[in-house]
Amino acid sequence: MPKVTFVTPQGKHIEVVAQLGETLLELAHRSNIDIEGACEGCLACSTCHVIVAADDYDRLPEPSEDEEDMLDLAFGLTPTSRLGCQIVVTEEIDGLVVNLPTEVHNMMA
């Protein structure tokens, strides 16, 4: 089973075992990791914004145009920013490291 490490804004590393086919947002919620996901993963907000470690970013499929549009609304956008609801767990991302941003911008609230 692939493992993903979430890094909190305080620098705490939380390694969790993922299930193939789930999204990082689903994994985070199942593992009690503090990611909001206000739209429940339907690509209608940017509150599941994560920052993928630079060394890992190229292992992920390219973001869709819709994801890029939503990322434009994310607080603290970086070149390796992605939406957790759009990253599906596969064997190829075993060991992925993602940082949780210090703040999110919830347009739905």
N, C-alpha and C. Protein backbone atom coordinates (compact mmCIF):
# COMPACT_ATOMS: atom_id res chain seq x y z
N MET A 1 0.84 -1.18 0.00
CA MET A 1 0.00 0.00 0.00
C MET A 1 0.89 1.25 0.00
N PRO A 2 0.54 2.21 -0.84
CA PRO A 2 1.32 3.45 -0.90
C PRO A 2 1.19 4.26 0.39
N LYS A 3 2.22 5.01 0.68
CA LYS A 3 2.21 5.90 1.84
C LYS A 3 2.35 7.34 1.36
N VAL A 4 1.68 8.23 2.07
CA VAL A 4 1.74 9.66 1.79
C VAL A 4 2.07 10.36 3.10
N THR A 5 2.94 11.35 3.03
CA THR A 5 3.28 12.13 4.22
C THR A 5 2.70 13.52 4.07
N PHE A 6 1.87 13.90 5.04
CA PHE A 6 1.34 15.25 5.13
C PHE A 6 2.20 16.02 6.12
N VAL A 7 2.58 17.24 5.75
CA VAL A 7 3.37 18.10 6.63
C VAL A 7 2.48 19.26 7.05
N THR A 8 2.22 19.36 8.35
CA THR A 8 1.34 20.42 8.85
C THR A 8 2.04 21.77 8.78
N PRO A 9 1.28 22.86 8.88
CA PRO A 9 1.91 24.19 8.89
C PRO A 9 2.91 24.36 10.04
N GLN A 10 2.77 23.55 11.09
CA GLN A 10 3.70 23.61 12.22
C GLN A 10 4.93 22.74 11.99
N GLY A 11 5.00 22.04 10.85
CA GLY A 11 6.16 21.23 10.53
C GLY A 11 6.08 19.77 10.95
N LYS A 12 4.95 19.35 11.50
CA LYS A 12 4.79 17.95 11.91
C LYS A 12 4.55 17.07 10.69
N HIS A 13 5.30 15.97 10.59
CA HIS A 13 5.16 15.01 9.49
C HIS A 13 4.23 13.88 9.92
N ILE A 14 3.18 13.67 9.15
CA ILE A 14 2.22 12.61 9.45
C ILE A 14 2.18 11.66 8.25
N GLU A 15 2.76 10.47 8.42
CA GLU A 15 2.77 9.48 7.34
C GLU A 15 1.55 8.57 7.49
N VAL A 16 0.80 8.42 6.41
CA VAL A 16 -0.40 7.59 6.45
C VAL A 16 -0.38 6.60 5.28
N VAL A 17 -1.01 5.46 5.50
CA VAL A 17 -1.13 4.44 4.47
C VAL A 17 -2.38 4.75 3.65
N ALA A 18 -2.20 4.84 2.36
CA ALA A 18 -3.30 5.20 1.46
C ALA A 18 -3.91 3.97 0.82
N GLN A 19 -5.13 4.14 0.35
CA GLN A 19 -5.80 3.10 -0.42
C GLN A 19 -5.76 3.50 -1.89
N LEU A 20 -5.44 2.56 -2.75
CA LEU A 20 -5.41 2.86 -4.18
C LEU A 20 -6.76 3.37 -4.63
N GLY A 21 -6.74 4.44 -5.43
CA GLY A 21 -7.96 4.99 -6.00
C GLY A 21 -8.61 6.09 -5.19
N GLU A 22 -8.21 6.27 -3.93
CA GLU A 22 -8.79 7.38 -3.18
C GLU A 22 -8.01 8.65 -3.49
N THR A 23 -8.63 9.79 -3.24
CA THR A 23 -7.95 11.06 -3.45
C THR A 23 -7.21 11.45 -2.18
N LEU A 24 -6.30 12.39 -2.31
CA LEU A 24 -5.60 12.88 -1.11
C LEU A 24 -6.57 13.51 -0.14
N LEU A 25 -7.62 14.16 -0.65
CA LEU A 25 -8.62 14.73 0.23
C LEU A 25 -9.32 13.63 1.03
N GLU A 26 -9.73 12.57 0.37
CA GLU A 26 -10.37 11.45 1.07
C GLU A 26 -9.42 10.82 2.09
N LEU A 27 -8.17 10.65 1.69
CA LEU A 27 -7.16 10.10 2.59
C LEU A 27 -6.99 10.98 3.82
N ALA A 28 -6.90 12.29 3.60
CA ALA A 28 -6.73 13.21 4.72
C ALA A 28 -7.92 13.14 5.67
N HIS A 29 -9.12 13.15 5.13
CA HIS A 29 -10.31 13.07 6.00
C HIS A 29 -10.34 11.75 6.77
N ARG A 30 -10.05 10.64 6.09
CA ARG A 30 -10.05 9.32 6.74
C ARG A 30 -9.00 9.25 7.84
N SER A 31 -7.92 10.02 7.68
CA SER A 31 -6.79 9.98 8.62
C SER A 31 -6.82 11.13 9.63
N ASN A 32 -7.93 11.87 9.66
CA ASN A 32 -8.08 13.01 10.57
C ASN A 32 -7.01 14.08 10.39
N ILE A 33 -6.62 14.29 9.12
CA ILE A 33 -5.69 15.37 8.76
C ILE A 33 -6.54 16.60 8.47
N ASP A 34 -6.12 17.75 8.95
CA ASP A 34 -6.93 18.97 8.87
C ASP A 34 -6.87 19.62 7.49
N ILE A 35 -7.69 19.09 6.56
CA ILE A 35 -7.91 19.72 5.26
C ILE A 35 -9.41 19.93 5.14
N GLU A 36 -9.82 21.13 4.76
CA GLU A 36 -11.24 21.45 4.77
C GLU A 36 -12.04 20.70 3.70
N GLY A 37 -11.80 20.95 2.43
CA GLY A 37 -12.59 20.31 1.37
C GLY A 37 -14.04 20.76 1.40
N ALA A 38 -14.29 22.07 1.39
CA ALA A 38 -15.64 22.62 1.54
C ALA A 38 -16.62 22.12 0.50
N CYS A 39 -16.16 21.83 -0.71
CA CYS A 39 -17.07 21.38 -1.78
C CYS A 39 -17.17 19.86 -1.82
N GLU A 40 -16.56 19.20 -0.85
CA GLU A 40 -16.57 17.74 -0.74
C GLU A 40 -15.94 17.05 -1.94
N GLY A 41 -14.96 17.71 -2.54
CA GLY A 41 -14.17 17.07 -3.60
C GLY A 41 -14.75 17.16 -4.99
N CYS A 42 -15.66 18.11 -5.23
CA CYS A 42 -16.26 18.18 -6.57
C CYS A 42 -15.66 19.30 -7.42
N LEU A 43 -14.47 19.76 -7.08
CA LEU A 43 -13.73 20.75 -7.86
C LEU A 43 -14.47 22.09 -7.98
N ALA A 44 -15.05 22.52 -6.85
CA ALA A 44 -15.79 23.77 -6.85
C ALA A 44 -15.23 24.78 -5.85
N CYS A 45 -14.08 24.46 -5.24
CA CYS A 45 -13.44 25.39 -4.31
C CYS A 45 -11.94 25.08 -4.32
N SER A 46 -11.21 25.77 -3.48
CA SER A 46 -9.76 25.51 -3.40
C SER A 46 -9.33 25.21 -1.97
N THR A 47 -10.26 24.79 -1.13
CA THR A 47 -9.93 24.59 0.29
C THR A 47 -9.18 23.30 0.56
N CYS A 48 -8.98 22.45 -0.44
CA CYS A 48 -8.15 21.25 -0.25
C CYS A 48 -6.78 21.46 -0.90
N HIS A 49 -6.40 22.73 -1.05
CA HIS A 49 -5.10 23.10 -1.61
C HIS A 49 -3.97 22.47 -0.80
N VAL A 50 -3.07 21.79 -1.49
CA VAL A 50 -1.86 21.26 -0.89
C VAL A 50 -0.67 21.69 -1.73
N ILE A 51 0.48 21.67 -1.12
CA ILE A 51 1.72 22.03 -1.82
C ILE A 51 2.58 20.77 -1.88
N VAL A 52 2.74 20.26 -3.07
CA VAL A 52 3.48 19.02 -3.28
C VAL A 52 4.97 19.32 -3.21
N ALA A 53 5.71 18.45 -2.54
CA ALA A 53 7.17 18.62 -2.48
C ALA A 53 7.72 18.70 -3.91
N ALA A 54 8.65 19.59 -4.12
CA ALA A 54 9.19 19.83 -5.46
C ALA A 54 9.71 18.55 -6.11
N ASP A 55 10.36 17.69 -5.33
CA ASP A 55 10.91 16.45 -5.86
C ASP A 55 9.82 15.47 -6.31
N ASP A 56 8.61 15.63 -5.80
CA ASP A 56 7.52 14.71 -6.10
C ASP A 56 6.57 15.22 -7.18
N TYR A 57 6.60 16.50 -7.44
CA TYR A 57 5.58 17.12 -8.31
C TYR A 57 5.50 16.45 -9.69
N ASP A 58 6.62 16.14 -10.29
CA ASP A 58 6.62 15.57 -11.64
C ASP A 58 6.12 14.13 -11.69
N ARG A 59 5.93 13.50 -10.54
CA ARG A 59 5.38 12.15 -10.51
C ARG A 59 3.86 12.15 -10.67
N LEU A 60 3.26 13.32 -10.58
CA LEU A 60 1.80 13.43 -10.67
C LEU A 60 1.37 13.74 -12.11
N PRO A 61 0.16 13.31 -12.48
CA PRO A 61 -0.38 13.74 -13.78
C PRO A 61 -0.55 15.26 -13.79
N GLU A 62 -0.52 15.83 -14.97
CA GLU A 62 -0.73 17.28 -15.11
C GLU A 62 -2.10 17.67 -14.57
N PRO A 63 -2.21 18.85 -13.94
CA PRO A 63 -3.54 19.30 -13.50
C PRO A 63 -4.41 19.65 -14.71
N SER A 64 -5.70 19.43 -14.55
CA SER A 64 -6.63 19.80 -15.62
C SER A 64 -6.79 21.32 -15.66
N GLU A 65 -7.37 21.81 -16.72
CA GLU A 65 -7.63 23.24 -16.83
C GLU A 65 -8.58 23.70 -15.72
N ASP A 66 -9.59 22.87 -15.40
CA ASP A 66 -10.52 23.20 -14.32
C ASP A 66 -9.80 23.30 -12.98
N GLU A 67 -8.87 22.37 -12.73
CA GLU A 67 -8.11 22.44 -11.48
C GLU A 67 -7.26 23.70 -11.44
N GLU A 68 -6.61 24.02 -12.55
CA GLU A 68 -5.79 25.24 -12.59
C GLU A 68 -6.64 26.48 -12.33
N ASP A 69 -7.87 26.51 -12.85
CA ASP A 69 -8.76 27.64 -12.61
C ASP A 69 -9.09 27.77 -11.12
N MET A 70 -9.35 26.65 -10.46
CA MET A 70 -9.65 26.68 -9.02
C MET A 70 -8.41 27.04 -8.21
N LEU A 71 -7.25 26.56 -8.65
CA LEU A 71 -6.01 26.88 -7.94
C LEU A 71 -5.74 28.38 -7.94
N ASP A 72 -6.20 29.08 -8.98
CA ASP A 72 -6.01 30.53 -9.02
C ASP A 72 -6.67 31.23 -7.84
N LEU A 73 -7.63 30.56 -7.19
CA LEU A 73 -8.33 31.13 -6.04
C LEU A 73 -7.68 30.74 -4.71
N ALA A 74 -6.68 29.88 -4.76
CA ALA A 74 -6.06 29.37 -3.53
C ALA A 74 -5.17 30.42 -2.88
N PHE A 75 -5.18 30.44 -1.57
CA PHE A 75 -4.31 31.32 -0.79
C PHE A 75 -2.91 30.71 -0.77
N GLY A 76 -1.89 31.50 -1.00
CA GLY A 76 -0.52 31.02 -0.90
C GLY A 76 -0.10 30.09 -2.02
N LEU A 77 -0.62 30.32 -3.21
CA LEU A 77 -0.33 29.48 -4.37
C LEU A 77 1.18 29.41 -4.65
N THR A 78 1.67 28.21 -4.97
CA THR A 78 3.08 28.00 -5.30
C THR A 78 3.16 27.27 -6.64
N PRO A 79 4.33 27.15 -7.24
CA PRO A 79 4.46 26.41 -8.50
C PRO A 79 4.12 24.93 -8.38
N THR A 80 4.13 24.38 -7.16
CA THR A 80 3.81 22.96 -6.99
C THR A 80 2.48 22.76 -6.25
N SER A 81 1.63 23.77 -6.28
CA SER A 81 0.31 23.66 -5.65
C SER A 81 -0.60 22.76 -6.47
N ARG A 82 -1.41 21.99 -5.76
CA ARG A 82 -2.44 21.13 -6.38
C ARG A 82 -3.64 21.10 -5.45
N LEU A 83 -4.74 20.57 -5.95
CA LEU A 83 -5.91 20.35 -5.12
C LEU A 83 -5.93 18.90 -4.70
N GLY A 84 -6.07 18.67 -3.41
CA GLY A 84 -6.06 17.30 -2.89
C GLY A 84 -7.16 16.42 -3.46
N CYS A 85 -8.27 17.03 -3.85
CA CYS A 85 -9.38 16.25 -4.42
C CYS A 85 -9.08 15.76 -5.82
N GLN A 86 -8.02 16.26 -6.42
CA GLN A 86 -7.69 15.89 -7.80
C GLN A 86 -6.47 14.98 -7.91
N ILE A 87 -5.84 14.65 -6.79
CA ILE A 87 -4.71 13.74 -6.80
C ILE A 87 -5.20 12.38 -6.34
N VAL A 88 -5.21 11.43 -7.26
CA VAL A 88 -5.67 10.08 -6.98
C VAL A 88 -4.47 9.22 -6.61
N VAL A 89 -4.62 8.45 -5.54
CA VAL A 89 -3.53 7.60 -5.06
C VAL A 89 -3.32 6.43 -6.02
N THR A 90 -2.07 6.29 -6.45
CA THR A 90 -1.62 5.16 -7.27
C THR A 90 -0.32 4.65 -6.66
N GLU A 91 0.13 3.49 -7.09
CA GLU A 91 1.42 2.96 -6.62
C GLU A 91 2.55 3.92 -6.96
N GLU A 92 2.42 4.64 -8.08
CA GLU A 92 3.48 5.53 -8.54
C GLU A 92 3.73 6.71 -7.60
N ILE A 93 2.78 7.03 -6.75
CA ILE A 93 3.00 8.17 -5.85
C ILE A 93 3.38 7.74 -4.43
N ASP A 94 3.73 6.48 -4.26
CA ASP A 94 4.18 6.00 -2.96
C ASP A 94 5.31 6.90 -2.47
N GLY A 95 5.20 7.37 -1.23
CA GLY A 95 6.21 8.24 -0.64
C GLY A 95 5.98 9.72 -0.89
N LEU A 96 4.88 10.07 -1.55
CA LEU A 96 4.56 11.47 -1.84
C LEU A 96 4.55 12.29 -0.55
N VAL A 97 5.09 13.49 -0.63
CA VAL A 97 5.08 14.42 0.51
C VAL A 97 4.32 15.66 0.08
N VAL A 98 3.31 16.03 0.88
CA VAL A 98 2.54 17.24 0.61
C VAL A 98 2.49 18.11 1.86
N ASN A 99 2.64 19.38 1.65
CA ASN A 99 2.58 20.36 2.74
C ASN A 99 1.20 20.99 2.76
N LEU A 100 0.67 21.16 3.95
CA LEU A 100 -0.61 21.84 4.11
C LEU A 100 -0.34 23.33 4.25
N PRO A 101 -1.05 24.16 3.50
CA PRO A 101 -0.80 25.61 3.61
C PRO A 101 -1.24 26.15 4.97
N THR A 102 -0.72 27.31 5.30
CA THR A 102 -1.05 27.91 6.59
C THR A 102 -2.48 28.42 6.63
N GLU A 103 -3.05 28.78 5.48
CA GLU A 103 -4.41 29.29 5.41
C GLU A 103 -5.08 28.79 4.14
N VAL A 104 -6.40 28.79 4.16
CA VAL A 104 -7.16 28.51 2.94
C VAL A 104 -8.13 29.65 2.71
N HIS A 105 -8.54 29.80 1.46
CA HIS A 105 -9.49 30.84 1.08
C HIS A 105 -10.78 30.14 0.69
N ASN A 106 -11.77 30.19 1.56
CA ASN A 106 -13.05 29.49 1.33
C ASN A 106 -14.05 30.46 0.69
N MET A 107 -14.21 30.34 -0.62
CA MET A 107 -15.13 31.20 -1.36
C MET A 107 -16.58 30.79 -1.13
N MET A 108 -16.81 29.58 -0.56
CA MET A 108 -18.16 29.08 -0.37
C MET A 108 -18.79 29.54 0.94
N ALA A 109 -17.97 30.09 1.83
CA ALA A 109 -18.48 30.47 3.16
C ALA A 109 -19.21 31.80 3.10
